[in-house]
Every structure is written in structure tokens, then in C-alpha cells.
Amino acid sequence: MNKVIVKICMGTTCFVMGASELQELTDIIPEKYGDKVEVVASTCLDFCSSNEESKAPYVMVDYDVISKATVEKVLEAIDGKLKNGQE
């Protein structure tokens, strides 16, 4: 079974724009999903530089990018991946 990989950008812009609040995912995800999902902090996902208008914070759930990420948006994306059998 492949794990869903969640990468949280912790670069300066993302951190200031709310990624600090996303750190609670490191507690929520293991409790809710067990070993089906892995959380990784990234120093930078490099999405801010590719957009004229920053929509930080960014999170990647597998290969899907979530802009203006919130805990709720990330959990919803994980649920969608798991329900679609893309574990």
C-alpha cells in the first residue's frame, strides 16, 4: 500500500502566511490515518516564486498543490485521496 505524502512548506513566506498553524497536522494525521499518511516538512516547495500573487501557505498532498492551505483543506484532500483508492 502506497502512503499519501503530505508536504508542508515551512519557508519564510508560507510560515508567516499560516504554515505555523499547519504544524498541528503532525499530531492530527497520525491519530486519524495511522500509517496510511506521512507528513513531511519542507524548507520550501518553491511555489511562491512561480506565482505573481502569492497564495501561501502551500501544501502538497501527493502531487496535488493546495494554495492558501488550512488544516481543513488538507484533511479534505487526504480524505479524497483515500476514498478514491489512491492510498
C-alpha atoms as a PDB file:
ATOM      1  CA  MET A   1       0.000   0.000   0.000  1.00  0.00           C
ATOM      2  CA  ASN A   2       1.423   3.374  -1.004  1.00  0.00           C
ATOM      3  CA  LYS A   3       1.212   6.140   1.550  1.00  0.00           C
ATOM      4  CA  VAL A   4      -0.308   9.512   0.872  1.00  0.00           C
ATOM      5  CA  ILE A   5       2.540  12.003   1.289  1.00  0.00           C
ATOM      6  CA  VAL A   6       1.722  15.430   2.715  1.00  0.00           C
ATOM      7  CA  LYS A   7       4.457  18.062   2.294  1.00  0.00           C
ATOM      8  CA  ILE A   8       4.013  21.249   4.290  1.00  0.00           C
ATOM      9  CA  CYS A   9       6.038  24.224   3.085  1.00  0.00           C
ATOM     10  CA  MET A  10       7.773  25.846   6.035  1.00  0.00           C
ATOM     11  CA  GLY A  11       9.594  28.511   4.013  1.00  0.00           C
ATOM     12  CA  THR A  12       9.523  32.045   5.365  1.00  0.00           C
ATOM     13  CA  THR A  13       6.591  33.299   3.284  1.00  0.00           C
ATOM     14  CA  CYS A  14       4.461  30.237   3.924  1.00  0.00           C
ATOM     15  CA  PHE A  15       5.332  30.223   7.621  1.00  0.00           C
ATOM     16  CA  VAL A  16       4.347  33.872   8.016  1.00  0.00           C
ATOM     17  CA  MET A  17       1.167  33.337   5.982  1.00  0.00           C
ATOM     18  CA  GLY A  18      -0.098  30.487   8.171  1.00  0.00           C
ATOM     19  CA  ALA A  19       2.027  27.362   7.810  1.00  0.00           C
ATOM     20  CA  SER A  20       2.839  27.635  11.501  1.00  0.00           C
ATOM     21  CA  GLU A  21      -0.798  26.688  12.166  1.00  0.00           C
ATOM     22  CA  LEU A  22      -0.460  23.713   9.817  1.00  0.00           C
ATOM     23  CA  GLN A  23       2.091  22.159  12.152  1.00  0.00           C
ATOM     24  CA  GLU A  24      -0.805  20.719  14.128  1.00  0.00           C
ATOM     25  CA  LEU A  25      -1.246  18.297  11.214  1.00  0.00           C
ATOM     26  CA  THR A  26       1.782  16.417  12.541  1.00  0.00           C
ATOM     27  CA  ASP A  27      -0.379  15.448  15.530  1.00  0.00           C
ATOM     28  CA  ILE A  28      -3.748  15.079  13.791  1.00  0.00           C
ATOM     29  CA  ILE A  29      -2.700  12.954  10.807  1.00  0.00           C
ATOM     30  CA  PRO A  30      -1.066  10.039  12.658  1.00  0.00           C
ATOM     31  CA  GLU A  31      -4.021   9.818  15.039  1.00  0.00           C
ATOM     32  CA  LYS A  32      -6.626   9.988  12.270  1.00  0.00           C
ATOM     33  CA  TYR A  33      -4.980   7.987   9.468  1.00  0.00           C
ATOM     34  CA  GLY A  34      -2.300   5.861  11.122  1.00  0.00           C
ATOM     35  CA  ASP A  35       0.376   4.705   8.717  1.00  0.00           C
ATOM     36  CA  LYS A  36      -1.656   5.488   5.572  1.00  0.00           C
ATOM     37  CA  VAL A  37      -0.386   9.082   5.511  1.00  0.00           C
ATOM     38  CA  GLU A  38       3.070  10.551   6.041  1.00  0.00           C
ATOM     39  CA  VAL A  39       3.701  14.212   6.898  1.00  0.00           C
ATOM     40  CA  VAL A  40       6.910  15.877   5.764  1.00  0.00           C
ATOM     41  CA  ALA A  41       8.016  19.453   6.452  1.00  0.00           C
ATOM     42  CA  SER A  42       9.761  21.077   3.515  1.00  0.00           C
ATOM     43  CA  THR A  43      12.065  24.068   3.762  1.00  0.00           C
ATOM     44  CA  CYS A  44      10.458  25.399   0.569  1.00  0.00           C
ATOM     45  CA  LEU A  45       8.208  23.972  -2.132  1.00  0.00           C
ATOM     46  CA  ASP A  46       9.140  26.885  -4.441  1.00  0.00           C
ATOM     47  CA  PHE A  47       5.582  27.826  -5.420  1.00  0.00           C
ATOM     48  CA  CYS A  48       5.789  31.439  -4.238  1.00  0.00           C
ATOM     49  CA  SER A  49       8.421  32.275  -6.836  1.00  0.00           C
ATOM     50  CA  SER A  50       6.344  30.802  -9.660  1.00  0.00           C
ATOM     51  CA  ASN A  51       3.261  32.918  -8.912  1.00  0.00           C
ATOM     52  CA  GLU A  52       2.950  36.669  -9.225  1.00  0.00           C
ATOM     53  CA  GLU A  53       0.361  36.683  -6.456  1.00  0.00           C
ATOM     54  CA  SER A  54       1.457  34.588  -3.503  1.00  0.00           C
ATOM     55  CA  LYS A  55      -1.201  32.228  -2.258  1.00  0.00           C
ATOM     56  CA  ALA A  56       0.803  30.927   0.656  1.00  0.00           C
ATOM     57  CA  PRO A  57       0.840  28.726   2.620  1.00  0.00           C
ATOM     58  CA  TYR A  58       1.288  25.806   0.247  1.00  0.00           C
ATOM     59  CA  VAL A  59       0.878  22.101   0.931  1.00  0.00           C
ATOM     60  CA  MET A  60       1.264  19.181  -1.454  1.00  0.00           C
ATOM     61  CA  VAL A  61      -0.906  16.121  -0.969  1.00  0.00           C
ATOM     62  CA  ASP A  62       0.845  13.600  -3.166  1.00  0.00           C
ATOM     63  CA  TYR A  63       1.186  15.684  -6.347  1.00  0.00           C
ATOM     64  CA  ASP A  64      -1.781  17.995  -5.776  1.00  0.00           C
ATOM     65  CA  VAL A  65      -0.922  21.514  -4.636  1.00  0.00           C
ATOM     66  CA  ILE A  66      -3.147  23.251  -2.112  1.00  0.00           C
ATOM     67  CA  SER A  67      -2.753  27.020  -2.012  1.00  0.00           C
ATOM     68  CA  LYS A  68      -3.943  29.109   0.927  1.00  0.00           C
ATOM     69  CA  ALA A  69      -3.833  25.823   2.802  1.00  0.00           C
ATOM     70  CA  THR A  70      -5.711  25.277   6.028  1.00  0.00           C
ATOM     71  CA  VAL A  71      -5.910  22.232   8.254  1.00  0.00           C
ATOM     72  CA  GLU A  72      -9.434  21.609   6.968  1.00  0.00           C
ATOM     73  CA  LYS A  73      -8.413  21.817   3.284  1.00  0.00           C
ATOM     74  CA  VAL A  74      -5.531  19.402   3.817  1.00  0.00           C
ATOM     75  CA  LEU A  75      -7.662  16.856   5.691  1.00  0.00           C
ATOM     76  CA  GLU A  76     -10.316  17.097   2.991  1.00  0.00           C
ATOM     77  CA  ALA A  77      -7.693  16.415   0.286  1.00  0.00           C
ATOM     78  CA  ILE A  78      -6.357  13.406   2.209  1.00  0.00           C
ATOM     79  CA  ASP A  79      -9.872  12.028   2.673  1.00  0.00           C
ATOM     80  CA  GLY A  80     -10.455  12.393  -1.070  1.00  0.00           C
ATOM     81  CA  LYS A  81      -7.243  10.518  -1.901  1.00  0.00           C
ATOM     82  CA  LEU A  82      -8.072   7.683   0.469  1.00  0.00           C
ATOM     83  CA  LYS A  83     -11.699   7.405  -0.703  1.00  0.00           C
ATOM     84  CA  ASN A  84     -10.589   7.237  -4.346  1.00  0.00           C
ATOM     85  CA  GLY A  85      -8.316   4.317  -3.530  1.00  0.00           C
ATOM     86  CA  GLN A  86      -5.181   6.323  -4.207  1.00  0.00           C
ATOM     87  CA  GLU A  87      -3.651   5.200  -0.945  1.00  0.00           C
END
